[in-house]
Each structure stands twice: as C-alpha cells, then as structure tokens.
Amino acid sequence: MYEIITIGSSLIDSFIKSSKFNLRSNSTNAEICLIYGEKNEIDEYILRTGGGGSNTAVGFARMGYRTGVVTELGSDAFAKIILDDFRKEFVSTNMVISEKQEKTGGSIILVGTDGGRTVMVHRGASSMLDPEDIPFEKISIADWVHISSIAGRLKTLERIFSALKKTNVGFSWNPGKKELALISEGKIDFKEISCNLLFLNQEEWELIKDKQKDALYHVKQVIVTNGKKGGKVFAGEDEVAEFKSGEVKSVDDTGAGDAFAVGYVTAYLKGKIISECCEWGKNNSVSVIGQIGAKPGLLTLKQIKVHNSK
C-alpha cells in the first residue's frame, strides 16, 4: 500500500547556462536573447530528471512516505535514466507505463544569470496518460494523491476525480495550463471534484479569473504563490495567510512550485497550521532554487524540521 501516489509527467531536463545569454526586459516581460545563426559557447550543460509527477514523487519519498508514481515513459535511454532515478530515491515504479511506440519527453532549459529560465518542452509519452493507465484499485487505498499536469487529458482527469470522490481519498492538485483552459471553458467544474489543496502561481490564478469564486467555495484551501513576492492562502472565500519568500538568490527556479507543494502537503498531512504549512513549503522551495535542477535541493523530513525550528 502506498501512502502517497503522484500522477503527472516525467521528463529529462537539459540545463544550459551561458554568459552569452543577453537578458532584455520591457514593461511586461524579459527575454533571453542570442544572435540567430551564431555558434555560442556555453558555461554549463547539465542533465537532470524532472516533470511534475517525477519531482513530487521524489519529494514525498524524501519526506519519508511510501510513494508510488503514475507516469508514462517511452522504452528508450531517457526512460532508463528516469527509472534508475526513481529506484535510487525509493519511489515505486510499479505503476509506471512504458510504451514502445512513444518517446520519453524532455525539455531544454536556458538559465539566466538571475536564476530565471526559458523552457522548451516536448512532453512526449508523459502527455499520453489514458484512463485505463490509472490504477484505480491502488489509488483507492492510498492515503493521499497529488496530481500535477497531465497535458489536459480530460477523460483521464474525469476518471481520476470520479474515483477519488467515491473513495474519499484526499488529494492535492497543481494543474498545468491545459488543465486551466479546461477549467476556464467549464469542462472541469470544482463542485464535481473533492479537492483538498489547489496549488497555482499568480499567473495561473489569473487564467481562471472567472472561476476563482467556484474554486474558493469548493476547494478546502487554495494556495497562490507569486515567486519572490511570496504568496497567499485562501480557506473558503477568505484570505487566511500571507507568506514572504525572503531575500534569496536563485541559481535556478526549476521545480520551485513542486517543492513548495511537497513541503506544504507534508505539513498539512502532519496536522500543522496553515502558517507552518507555508513555512515548510517555502523552505523546501528555497532549498531547491539554490541548485540546478528540480530534485537535488529537495529536503528530507529531518532537514525540513531543522529549517523550521530555526
């Protein structure tokens, strides 16, 4: 029996750092610029495993939970790297789907000097989860389920939500942009799902502006993060907590949201009050952005307790 099951993507992340990246800003955004057609020397090229399902699975395993992951891979060299990483981190691979006809997904991540990044992603097999790929009998006896983006697979999401509602298994959800589009279009209705914790960043929260009231009414806690500005937590229609991120220099922002969710959920499951949940999430996230990649900085339960005792 698994204590926590995560559902989402597993990818290979290729990080590229270069002093040749020119950051150009305007009133609305910043751009990483290179001269077209020019060959550029880079300072670092680092390969890591990533993806929301993978990151959170490793995060929960480091927190001491018996963790399994539902994710889809190809049958290729990248898949072997991801599977080896799961086994090293004591994440069960019994629910991983391997498809010979599909390619394992991956991303190229250009990291700026300030830790910000531009991501180019090919989701590959990770975007192919079908309803029949979901092990409902195992989900129904888990203590908790965490769902990250599954590329907007509506039928699969409907089956997951239906199964969770019938069994009263608690779950947290960190939807991607395709899932947010389904919410905005009314294809996913918050009143039809029994979500305990909803994680969004400020930009994502704005994408469902017309559905915010529904989310606040039907989800037990809505957590909206806002990068270096911190974030807010809503319980019902009331804002009940606000947290600051602090003055922290980022090496790489990749995986910060997943790390925050792992820390917050862990504290929530251990009966901590909302302000403590925020601190656990923040400290896990701060640790992650201090290193390249979404996983190296993930804290263990012992480490996060030490951080929160300071």
C-alpha atoms as a PDB file:
ATOM      1  CA  MET A   1       0.000   0.000   0.000  1.00  0.00           C
ATOM      2  CA  TYR A   2       1.239   3.458  -0.901  1.00  0.00           C
ATOM      3  CA  GLU A   3       0.899   6.380   1.463  1.00  0.00           C
ATOM      4  CA  ILE A   4       1.170   8.895  -1.385  1.00  0.00           C
ATOM      5  CA  ILE A   5       0.694   8.444  -5.120  1.00  0.00           C
ATOM      6  CA  THR A   6       1.693  11.167  -7.544  1.00  0.00           C
ATOM      7  CA  ILE A   7       0.273  11.450 -11.055  1.00  0.00           C
ATOM      8  CA  GLY A   8       1.978  13.525 -13.717  1.00  0.00           C
ATOM      9  CA  SER A   9       4.869  13.919 -16.112  1.00  0.00           C
ATOM     10  CA  SER A  10       8.403  12.553 -16.012  1.00  0.00           C
ATOM     11  CA  LEU A  11      10.938  14.228 -18.258  1.00  0.00           C
ATOM     12  CA  ILE A  12      14.637  14.639 -18.918  1.00  0.00           C
ATOM     13  CA  ASP A  13      15.675  18.253 -18.302  1.00  0.00           C
ATOM     14  CA  SER A  14      18.741  19.618 -20.102  1.00  0.00           C
ATOM     15  CA  PHE A  15      20.018  22.802 -18.447  1.00  0.00           C
ATOM     16  CA  ILE A  16      22.124  25.261 -20.397  1.00  0.00           C
ATOM     17  CA  LYS A  17      23.892  28.158 -18.702  1.00  0.00           C
ATOM     18  CA  SER A  18      25.900  30.735 -20.620  1.00  0.00           C
ATOM     19  CA  SER A  19      27.269  34.200 -20.030  1.00  0.00           C
ATOM     20  CA  LYS A  20      26.390  34.773 -23.699  1.00  0.00           C
ATOM     21  CA  PHE A  21      22.684  34.919 -22.820  1.00  0.00           C
ATOM     22  CA  ASN A  22      21.591  38.530 -23.040  1.00  0.00           C
ATOM     23  CA  LEU A  23      18.612  39.445 -20.864  1.00  0.00           C
ATOM     24  CA  ARG A  24      16.390  42.096 -22.422  1.00  0.00           C
ATOM     25  CA  SER A  25      13.454  43.474 -20.439  1.00  0.00           C
ATOM     26  CA  ASN A  26      10.433  45.585 -21.238  1.00  0.00           C
ATOM     27  CA  SER A  27       7.398  46.657 -19.238  1.00  0.00           C
ATOM     28  CA  THR A  28       5.741  43.237 -19.376  1.00  0.00           C
ATOM     29  CA  ASN A  29       8.436  40.558 -19.576  1.00  0.00           C
ATOM     30  CA  ALA A  30      12.087  39.640 -20.031  1.00  0.00           C
ATOM     31  CA  GLU A  31      13.712  37.778 -22.903  1.00  0.00           C
ATOM     32  CA  ILE A  32      16.794  35.587 -23.199  1.00  0.00           C
ATOM     33  CA  CYS A  33      18.432  36.612 -26.474  1.00  0.00           C
ATOM     34  CA  LEU A  34      21.017  35.013 -28.736  1.00  0.00           C
ATOM     35  CA  ILE A  35      22.172  36.060 -32.164  1.00  0.00           C
ATOM     36  CA  TYR A  36      20.465  33.887 -34.769  1.00  0.00           C
ATOM     37  CA  GLY A  37      22.866  31.708 -36.766  1.00  0.00           C
ATOM     38  CA  GLU A  38      25.777  32.190 -34.376  1.00  0.00           C
ATOM     39  CA  LYS A  39      27.562  29.303 -32.626  1.00  0.00           C
ATOM     40  CA  ASN A  40      27.719  30.024 -28.891  1.00  0.00           C
ATOM     41  CA  GLU A  41      30.000  28.508 -26.295  1.00  0.00           C
ATOM     42  CA  ILE A  42      28.138  27.617 -23.100  1.00  0.00           C
ATOM     43  CA  ASP A  43      29.333  27.626 -19.498  1.00  0.00           C
ATOM     44  CA  GLU A  44      27.425  24.570 -18.252  1.00  0.00           C
ATOM     45  CA  TYR A  45      25.363  21.711 -19.668  1.00  0.00           C
ATOM     46  CA  ILE A  46      23.636  19.630 -17.003  1.00  0.00           C
ATOM     47  CA  LEU A  47      21.236  16.707 -17.361  1.00  0.00           C
ATOM     48  CA  ARG A  48      18.598  16.111 -14.679  1.00  0.00           C
ATOM     49  CA  THR A  49      15.308  14.255 -14.351  1.00  0.00           C
ATOM     50  CA  GLY A  50      12.209  16.415 -13.966  1.00  0.00           C
ATOM     51  CA  GLY A  51       8.485  16.741 -14.614  1.00  0.00           C
ATOM     52  CA  GLY A  52       5.770  17.426 -12.030  1.00  0.00           C
ATOM     53  CA  GLY A  53       4.900  13.795 -11.325  1.00  0.00           C
ATOM     54  CA  SER A  54       8.544  12.826 -11.008  1.00  0.00           C
ATOM     55  CA  ASN A  55       9.614  15.828  -8.905  1.00  0.00           C
ATOM     56  CA  THR A  56       6.827  15.443  -6.374  1.00  0.00           C
ATOM     57  CA  ALA A  57       7.255  11.660  -6.137  1.00  0.00           C
ATOM     58  CA  VAL A  58      10.914  12.081  -5.178  1.00  0.00           C
ATOM     59  CA  GLY A  59       9.998  14.958  -2.869  1.00  0.00           C
ATOM     60  CA  PHE A  60       7.444  12.895  -0.936  1.00  0.00           C
ATOM     61  CA  ALA A  61       9.776   9.900  -0.802  1.00  0.00           C
ATOM     62  CA  ARG A  62      12.458  12.088   0.795  1.00  0.00           C
ATOM     63  CA  MET A  63       9.846  13.148   3.334  1.00  0.00           C
ATOM     64  CA  GLY A  64       9.619   9.511   4.358  1.00  0.00           C
ATOM     65  CA  TYR A  65       6.385   8.462   2.648  1.00  0.00           C
ATOM     66  CA  ARG A  66       5.918   5.161   0.840  1.00  0.00           C
ATOM     67  CA  THR A  67       5.491   6.728  -2.575  1.00  0.00           C
ATOM     68  CA  GLY A  68       4.427   5.489  -5.992  1.00  0.00           C
ATOM     69  CA  VAL A  69       4.226   7.420  -9.249  1.00  0.00           C
ATOM     70  CA  VAL A  70       1.796   7.121 -12.158  1.00  0.00           C
ATOM     71  CA  THR A  71       3.554   8.408 -15.246  1.00  0.00           C
ATOM     72  CA  GLU A  72       4.183   7.379 -18.835  1.00  0.00           C
ATOM     73  CA  LEU A  73       7.569   6.874 -20.475  1.00  0.00           C
ATOM     74  CA  GLY A  74       8.877   5.514 -23.733  1.00  0.00           C
ATOM     75  CA  SER A  75      11.162   2.487 -23.891  1.00  0.00           C
ATOM     76  CA  ASP A  76      14.395   4.344 -24.546  1.00  0.00           C
ATOM     77  CA  ALA A  77      17.603   5.554 -22.912  1.00  0.00           C
ATOM     78  CA  PHE A  78      15.888   8.562 -21.319  1.00  0.00           C
ATOM     79  CA  ALA A  79      13.298   6.254 -19.742  1.00  0.00           C
ATOM     80  CA  LYS A  80      16.071   4.161 -18.176  1.00  0.00           C
ATOM     81  CA  ILE A  81      17.626   7.284 -16.612  1.00  0.00           C
ATOM     82  CA  ILE A  82      14.277   8.265 -15.079  1.00  0.00           C
ATOM     83  CA  LEU A  83      13.540   4.747 -13.804  1.00  0.00           C
ATOM     84  CA  ASP A  84      17.008   4.443 -12.282  1.00  0.00           C
ATOM     85  CA  ASP A  85      16.471   7.782 -10.552  1.00  0.00           C
ATOM     86  CA  PHE A  86      13.149   6.605  -9.081  1.00  0.00           C
ATOM     87  CA  ARG A  87      14.732   3.442  -7.731  1.00  0.00           C
ATOM     88  CA  LYS A  88      17.645   5.364  -6.221  1.00  0.00           C
ATOM     89  CA  GLU A  89      15.125   7.619  -4.434  1.00  0.00           C
ATOM     90  CA  PHE A  90      12.955   4.667  -3.259  1.00  0.00           C
ATOM     91  CA  VAL A  91       9.979   5.626  -5.425  1.00  0.00           C
ATOM     92  CA  SER A  92       7.968   2.605  -6.573  1.00  0.00           C
ATOM     93  CA  THR A  93       7.912   2.147 -10.357  1.00  0.00           C
ATOM     94  CA  ASN A  94       5.154  -0.491 -10.351  1.00  0.00           C
ATOM     95  CA  MET A  95       2.638   1.989 -11.784  1.00  0.00           C
ATOM     96  CA  VAL A  96       4.920   3.450 -14.481  1.00  0.00           C
ATOM     97  CA  ILE A  97       3.655   2.855 -18.024  1.00  0.00           C
ATOM     98  CA  SER A  98       6.312   2.130 -20.662  1.00  0.00           C
ATOM     99  CA  GLU A  99       5.243   2.461 -24.306  1.00  0.00           C
ATOM    100  CA  LYS A 100       7.474   1.134 -27.076  1.00  0.00           C
ATOM    101  CA  GLN A 101       5.832   3.351 -29.690  1.00  0.00           C
ATOM    102  CA  GLU A 102       6.366   6.610 -27.774  1.00  0.00           C
ATOM    103  CA  LYS A 103       9.356   8.750 -26.880  1.00  0.00           C
ATOM    104  CA  THR A 104      10.163   9.834 -23.353  1.00  0.00           C
ATOM    105  CA  GLY A 105       9.615  13.570 -23.010  1.00  0.00           C
ATOM    106  CA  GLY A 106      12.288  16.149 -22.391  1.00  0.00           C
ATOM    107  CA  SER A 107      12.986  19.834 -22.110  1.00  0.00           C
ATOM    108  CA  ILE A 108      15.750  22.311 -22.887  1.00  0.00           C
ATOM    109  CA  ILE A 109      16.081  24.921 -20.151  1.00  0.00           C
ATOM    110  CA  LEU A 110      18.026  28.136 -20.756  1.00  0.00           C
ATOM    111  CA  VAL A 111      19.013  29.500 -17.350  1.00  0.00           C
ATOM    112  CA  GLY A 112      19.581  33.236 -16.940  1.00  0.00           C
ATOM    113  CA  THR A 113      22.135  34.781 -14.620  1.00  0.00           C
ATOM    114  CA  ASP A 114      19.343  35.650 -12.163  1.00  0.00           C
ATOM    115  CA  GLY A 115      18.059  32.063 -11.933  1.00  0.00           C
ATOM    116  CA  GLY A 116      15.112  32.721 -14.228  1.00  0.00           C
ATOM    117  CA  ARG A 117      14.696  30.398 -17.172  1.00  0.00           C
ATOM    118  CA  THR A 118      13.132  29.841 -20.547  1.00  0.00           C
ATOM    119  CA  VAL A 119      11.870  26.294 -21.105  1.00  0.00           C
ATOM    120  CA  MET A 120      11.329  24.466 -24.384  1.00  0.00           C
ATOM    121  CA  VAL A 121       9.498  21.225 -23.732  1.00  0.00           C
ATOM    122  CA  HIS A 122       8.474  18.150 -25.701  1.00  0.00           C
ATOM    123  CA  ARG A 123       6.184  16.186 -23.392  1.00  0.00           C
ATOM    124  CA  GLY A 124       6.242  13.004 -25.446  1.00  0.00           C
ATOM    125  CA  ALA A 125       4.938   9.929 -23.645  1.00  0.00           C
ATOM    126  CA  SER A 126       4.167  11.924 -20.491  1.00  0.00           C
ATOM    127  CA  SER A 127       1.242  13.573 -22.293  1.00  0.00           C
ATOM    128  CA  MET A 128      -0.342  10.247 -23.230  1.00  0.00           C
ATOM    129  CA  LEU A 129      -1.894   9.012 -19.958  1.00  0.00           C
ATOM    130  CA  ASP A 130      -5.198   7.315 -20.749  1.00  0.00           C
ATOM    131  CA  PRO A 131      -7.984   6.409 -18.283  1.00  0.00           C
ATOM    132  CA  GLU A 132      -7.010   2.750 -18.448  1.00  0.00           C
ATOM    133  CA  ASP A 133      -3.450   3.662 -17.381  1.00  0.00           C
ATOM    134  CA  ILE A 134      -4.685   4.811 -13.968  1.00  0.00           C
ATOM    135  CA  PRO A 135      -4.504   2.040 -11.292  1.00  0.00           C
ATOM    136  CA  PHE A 136      -7.770   2.875  -9.537  1.00  0.00           C
ATOM    137  CA  GLU A 137      -7.567  -0.061  -7.135  1.00  0.00           C
ATOM    138  CA  LYS A 138      -4.265   1.284  -5.761  1.00  0.00           C
ATOM    139  CA  ILE A 139      -5.390   4.900  -5.694  1.00  0.00           C
ATOM    140  CA  SER A 140      -8.490   3.932  -3.718  1.00  0.00           C
ATOM    141  CA  ILE A 141      -6.407   2.679  -0.772  1.00  0.00           C
ATOM    142  CA  ALA A 142      -3.709   5.373  -0.773  1.00  0.00           C
ATOM    143  CA  ASP A 143      -3.611   7.959   1.997  1.00  0.00           C
ATOM    144  CA  TRP A 144      -3.159  10.850  -0.421  1.00  0.00           C
ATOM    145  CA  VAL A 145      -2.898  11.576  -4.156  1.00  0.00           C
ATOM    146  CA  HIS A 146      -1.043  14.522  -5.699  1.00  0.00           C
ATOM    147  CA  ILE A 147      -1.856  15.404  -9.303  1.00  0.00           C
ATOM    148  CA  SER A 148       0.281  17.660 -11.485  1.00  0.00           C
ATOM    149  CA  SER A 149      -0.209  18.461 -15.160  1.00  0.00           C
ATOM    150  CA  ILE A 150      -1.141  15.589 -17.476  1.00  0.00           C
ATOM    151  CA  ALA A 151      -1.379  17.738 -20.611  1.00  0.00           C
ATOM    152  CA  GLY A 152      -5.123  18.335 -20.334  1.00  0.00           C
ATOM    153  CA  ARG A 153      -6.233  14.711 -20.777  1.00  0.00           C
ATOM    154  CA  LEU A 154      -9.874  15.387 -19.883  1.00  0.00           C
ATOM    155  CA  LYS A 155     -11.209  11.810 -19.888  1.00  0.00           C
ATOM    156  CA  THR A 156      -8.308  10.699 -17.709  1.00  0.00           C
ATOM    157  CA  LEU A 157      -8.863  13.555 -15.263  1.00  0.00           C
ATOM    158  CA  GLU A 158     -12.580  12.803 -15.090  1.00  0.00           C
ATOM    159  CA  ARG A 159     -11.868   9.171 -14.226  1.00  0.00           C
ATOM    160  CA  ILE A 160      -9.318  10.168 -11.566  1.00  0.00           C
ATOM    161  CA  PHE A 161     -11.636  12.722  -9.965  1.00  0.00           C
ATOM    162  CA  SER A 162     -14.553  10.295 -10.016  1.00  0.00           C
ATOM    163  CA  ALA A 163     -12.514   7.546  -8.352  1.00  0.00           C
ATOM    164  CA  LEU A 164     -11.190   9.900  -5.685  1.00  0.00           C
ATOM    165  CA  LYS A 165     -14.653  11.244  -4.898  1.00  0.00           C
ATOM    166  CA  LYS A 166     -16.070   7.751  -4.450  1.00  0.00           C
ATOM    167  CA  THR A 167     -13.323   6.662  -2.070  1.00  0.00           C
ATOM    168  CA  ASN A 168     -12.912   9.973  -0.184  1.00  0.00           C
ATOM    169  CA  VAL A 169      -9.135   9.831  -0.667  1.00  0.00           C
ATOM    170  CA  GLY A 170      -7.667  13.280  -0.079  1.00  0.00           C
ATOM    171  CA  PHE A 171      -5.802  14.930  -2.924  1.00  0.00           C
ATOM    172  CA  SER A 172      -3.881  17.996  -3.958  1.00  0.00           C
ATOM    173  CA  TRP A 173      -3.780  19.370  -7.490  1.00  0.00           C
ATOM    174  CA  ASN A 174      -1.281  21.553  -9.317  1.00  0.00           C
ATOM    175  CA  PRO A 175      -2.868  21.927 -12.776  1.00  0.00           C
ATOM    176  CA  GLY A 176      -0.956  22.976 -15.877  1.00  0.00           C
ATOM    177  CA  LYS A 177      -2.091  25.467 -18.493  1.00  0.00           C
ATOM    178  CA  LYS A 178      -4.093  22.906 -20.466  1.00  0.00           C
ATOM    179  CA  GLU A 179      -5.991  21.900 -17.333  1.00  0.00           C
ATOM    180  CA  LEU A 180      -6.569  25.571 -16.531  1.00  0.00           C
ATOM    181  CA  ALA A 181      -8.034  26.030 -20.012  1.00  0.00           C
ATOM    182  CA  LEU A 182     -10.460  23.172 -19.302  1.00  0.00           C
ATOM    183  CA  ILE A 183     -11.488  24.902 -16.073  1.00  0.00           C
ATOM    184  CA  SER A 184     -11.993  28.234 -17.845  1.00  0.00           C
ATOM    185  CA  GLU A 185     -14.101  26.541 -20.522  1.00  0.00           C
ATOM    186  CA  GLY A 186     -16.315  24.900 -17.889  1.00  0.00           C
ATOM    187  CA  LYS A 187     -15.213  21.378 -18.830  1.00  0.00           C
ATOM    188  CA  ILE A 188     -13.917  20.815 -15.302  1.00  0.00           C
ATOM    189  CA  ASP A 189     -16.178  22.032 -12.502  1.00  0.00           C
ATOM    190  CA  PHE A 190     -14.771  22.453  -8.995  1.00  0.00           C
ATOM    191  CA  LYS A 191     -18.049  21.404  -7.413  1.00  0.00           C
ATOM    192  CA  GLU A 192     -17.671  17.989  -9.057  1.00  0.00           C
ATOM    193  CA  ILE A 193     -14.256  17.262  -7.548  1.00  0.00           C
ATOM    194  CA  SER A 194     -13.293  16.822  -3.903  1.00  0.00           C
ATOM    195  CA  CYS A 195     -10.007  18.717  -3.986  1.00  0.00           C
ATOM    196  CA  ASN A 196      -8.374  19.474  -0.638  1.00  0.00           C
ATOM    197  CA  LEU A 197      -5.452  21.651  -1.762  1.00  0.00           C
ATOM    198  CA  LEU A 198      -5.162  23.576  -5.041  1.00  0.00           C
ATOM    199  CA  PHE A 199      -1.740  24.988  -5.945  1.00  0.00           C
ATOM    200  CA  LEU A 200      -1.399  27.757  -8.538  1.00  0.00           C
ATOM    201  CA  ASN A 201       1.017  30.575  -9.201  1.00  0.00           C
ATOM    202  CA  GLN A 202      -0.295  34.111  -9.641  1.00  0.00           C
ATOM    203  CA  GLU A 203      -0.275  33.945 -13.437  1.00  0.00           C
ATOM    204  CA  GLU A 204      -2.207  30.666 -13.397  1.00  0.00           C
ATOM    205  CA  TRP A 205      -4.687  32.072 -10.874  1.00  0.00           C
ATOM    206  CA  GLU A 206      -5.430  34.938 -13.261  1.00  0.00           C
ATOM    207  CA  LEU A 207      -6.030  32.464 -16.095  1.00  0.00           C
ATOM    208  CA  ILE A 208      -9.127  31.172 -14.265  1.00  0.00           C
ATOM    209  CA  LYS A 209     -10.348  34.593 -13.154  1.00  0.00           C
ATOM    210  CA  ASP A 210     -13.966  33.773 -13.995  1.00  0.00           C
ATOM    211  CA  LYS A 211     -13.806  30.549 -11.973  1.00  0.00           C
ATOM    212  CA  GLN A 212     -11.985  31.847  -8.910  1.00  0.00           C
ATOM    213  CA  LYS A 213     -15.146  32.092  -6.800  1.00  0.00           C
ATOM    214  CA  ASP A 214     -16.000  28.472  -7.590  1.00  0.00           C
ATOM    215  CA  ALA A 215     -12.504  27.367  -6.578  1.00  0.00           C
ATOM    216  CA  LEU A 216     -12.624  29.315  -3.319  1.00  0.00           C
ATOM    217  CA  TYR A 217     -16.059  27.917  -2.459  1.00  0.00           C
ATOM    218  CA  HIS A 218     -15.449  24.250  -3.271  1.00  0.00           C
ATOM    219  CA  VAL A 219     -11.725  23.690  -2.539  1.00  0.00           C
ATOM    220  CA  LYS A 220     -10.674  23.499   1.115  1.00  0.00           C
ATOM    221  CA  GLN A 221      -7.507  25.538   0.599  1.00  0.00           C
ATOM    222  CA  VAL A 222      -6.308  27.472  -2.455  1.00  0.00           C
ATOM    223  CA  ILE A 223      -2.612  28.331  -2.355  1.00  0.00           C
ATOM    224  CA  VAL A 224      -1.462  31.048  -4.778  1.00  0.00           C
ATOM    225  CA  THR A 225       2.296  31.561  -4.999  1.00  0.00           C
ATOM    226  CA  ASN A 226       3.888  34.638  -6.521  1.00  0.00           C
ATOM    227  CA  GLY A 227       7.586  33.928  -6.949  1.00  0.00           C
ATOM    228  CA  LYS A 228       9.890  36.226  -4.985  1.00  0.00           C
ATOM    229  CA  LYS A 229       6.883  38.098  -3.585  1.00  0.00           C
ATOM    230  CA  GLY A 230       5.703  35.060  -1.613  1.00  0.00           C
ATOM    231  CA  GLY A 231       2.052  34.094  -1.808  1.00  0.00           C
ATOM    232  CA  LYS A 232      -1.366  33.783  -0.201  1.00  0.00           C
ATOM    233  CA  VAL A 233      -3.577  31.013   1.145  1.00  0.00           C
ATOM    234  CA  PHE A 234      -7.363  31.089   0.958  1.00  0.00           C
ATOM    235  CA  ALA A 235      -9.694  28.907   3.011  1.00  0.00           C
ATOM    236  CA  GLY A 236     -13.200  29.410   1.730  1.00  0.00           C
ATOM    237  CA  GLU A 237     -13.553  32.925   0.371  1.00  0.00           C
ATOM    238  CA  ASP A 238     -11.246  34.408   2.997  1.00  0.00           C
ATOM    239  CA  GLU A 239      -7.531  35.016   2.723  1.00  0.00           C
ATOM    240  CA  VAL A 240      -6.189  33.356   5.857  1.00  0.00           C
ATOM    241  CA  ALA A 241      -2.429  33.592   5.428  1.00  0.00           C
ATOM    242  CA  GLU A 242       0.198  35.516   3.516  1.00  0.00           C
ATOM    243  CA  PHE A 243       3.829  34.497   3.329  1.00  0.00           C
ATOM    244  CA  LYS A 244       7.004  36.172   2.128  1.00  0.00           C
ATOM    245  CA  SER A 245       9.733  34.424   0.167  1.00  0.00           C
ATOM    246  CA  GLY A 246      12.591  36.337   1.784  1.00  0.00           C
ATOM    247  CA  GLU A 247      15.770  37.612   0.177  1.00  0.00           C
ATOM    248  CA  VAL A 248      17.089  34.505  -1.554  1.00  0.00           C
ATOM    249  CA  LYS A 249      19.329  34.378  -4.602  1.00  0.00           C
ATOM    250  CA  SER A 250      18.134  31.797  -7.095  1.00  0.00           C
ATOM    251  CA  VAL A 251      20.517  29.621  -9.079  1.00  0.00           C
ATOM    252  CA  ASP A 252      17.660  28.007 -11.000  1.00  0.00           C
ATOM    253  CA  ASP A 253      13.898  28.375 -10.439  1.00  0.00           C
ATOM    254  CA  THR A 254      13.025  24.981 -11.950  1.00  0.00           C
ATOM    255  CA  GLY A 255      10.906  22.809  -9.650  1.00  0.00           C
ATOM    256  CA  ALA A 256      10.229  25.548  -7.086  1.00  0.00           C
ATOM    257  CA  GLY A 257       6.462  25.057  -7.335  1.00  0.00           C
ATOM    258  CA  ASP A 258       6.688  21.284  -6.993  1.00  0.00           C
ATOM    259  CA  ALA A 259       8.978  21.625  -3.972  1.00  0.00           C
ATOM    260  CA  PHE A 260       6.593  24.100  -2.344  1.00  0.00           C
ATOM    261  CA  ALA A 261       3.661  21.725  -2.870  1.00  0.00           C
ATOM    262  CA  VAL A 262       5.578  18.800  -1.339  1.00  0.00           C
ATOM    263  CA  GLY A 263       6.526  20.804   1.734  1.00  0.00           C
ATOM    264  CA  TYR A 264       3.042  22.248   2.171  1.00  0.00           C
ATOM    265  CA  VAL A 265       1.228  18.924   1.712  1.00  0.00           C
ATOM    266  CA  THR A 266       3.598  17.156   4.098  1.00  0.00           C
ATOM    267  CA  ALA A 267       2.960  19.743   6.815  1.00  0.00           C
ATOM    268  CA  TYR A 268      -0.793  19.599   6.115  1.00  0.00           C
ATOM    269  CA  LEU A 269      -0.846  15.810   6.493  1.00  0.00           C
ATOM    270  CA  LYS A 270       1.029  16.118   9.769  1.00  0.00           C
ATOM    271  CA  GLY A 271      -1.643  18.422  11.153  1.00  0.00           C
ATOM    272  CA  LYS A 272       0.322  21.670  11.019  1.00  0.00           C
ATOM    273  CA  ILE A 273      -1.470  25.013  10.969  1.00  0.00           C
ATOM    274  CA  ILE A 274      -1.563  26.962   7.711  1.00  0.00           C
ATOM    275  CA  SER A 275       1.300  29.317   8.593  1.00  0.00           C
ATOM    276  CA  GLU A 276       3.542  26.309   9.311  1.00  0.00           C
ATOM    277  CA  CYS A 277       2.466  24.652   6.058  1.00  0.00           C
ATOM    278  CA  CYS A 278       3.587  27.813   4.253  1.00  0.00           C
ATOM    279  CA  GLU A 279       6.966  27.711   6.004  1.00  0.00           C
ATOM    280  CA  TRP A 280       7.528  24.057   5.133  1.00  0.00           C
ATOM    281  CA  GLY A 281       6.653  24.768   1.514  1.00  0.00           C
ATOM    282  CA  LYS A 282       8.804  27.884   1.365  1.00  0.00           C
ATOM    283  CA  ASN A 283      11.857  26.237   2.932  1.00  0.00           C
ATOM    284  CA  ASN A 284      11.689  23.281   0.569  1.00  0.00           C
ATOM    285  CA  SER A 285      11.336  25.616  -2.399  1.00  0.00           C
ATOM    286  CA  VAL A 286      14.212  27.863  -1.272  1.00  0.00           C
ATOM    287  CA  SER A 287      16.457  24.814  -0.953  1.00  0.00           C
ATOM    288  CA  VAL A 288      15.590  23.684  -4.482  1.00  0.00           C
ATOM    289  CA  ILE A 289      16.288  27.000  -6.209  1.00  0.00           C
ATOM    290  CA  GLY A 290      19.758  27.030  -4.689  1.00  0.00           C
ATOM    291  CA  GLN A 291      20.853  24.251  -7.058  1.00  0.00           C
ATOM    292  CA  ILE A 292      20.496  23.319 -10.717  1.00  0.00           C
ATOM    293  CA  GLY A 293      17.517  21.055 -11.350  1.00  0.00           C
ATOM    294  CA  ALA A 294      14.257  20.305  -9.590  1.00  0.00           C
ATOM    295  CA  LYS A 295      15.461  17.486  -7.331  1.00  0.00           C
ATOM    296  CA  PRO A 296      18.958  17.970  -5.839  1.00  0.00           C
ATOM    297  CA  GLY A 297      17.747  20.522  -3.275  1.00  0.00           C
ATOM    298  CA  LEU A 298      14.640  18.647  -2.119  1.00  0.00           C
ATOM    299  CA  LEU A 299      14.747  18.323   1.656  1.00  0.00           C
ATOM    300  CA  THR A 300      14.236  15.244   3.788  1.00  0.00           C
ATOM    301  CA  LEU A 301      11.756  15.310   6.672  1.00  0.00           C
ATOM    302  CA  LYS A 302      14.619  15.669   9.174  1.00  0.00           C
ATOM    303  CA  GLN A 303      16.117  18.557   7.220  1.00  0.00           C
ATOM    304  CA  ILE A 304      12.839  20.449   6.842  1.00  0.00           C
ATOM    305  CA  LYS A 305      12.144  20.098  10.568  1.00  0.00           C
ATOM    306  CA  VAL A 306      15.566  21.607  11.285  1.00  0.00           C
ATOM    307  CA  HIS A 307      14.845  24.501   8.902  1.00  0.00           C
ATOM    308  CA  ASN A 308      11.520  25.199  10.566  1.00  0.00           C
ATOM    309  CA  SER A 309      12.960  25.098  14.076  1.00  0.00           C
ATOM    310  CA  LYS A 310      15.348  27.991  13.350  1.00  0.00           C
END
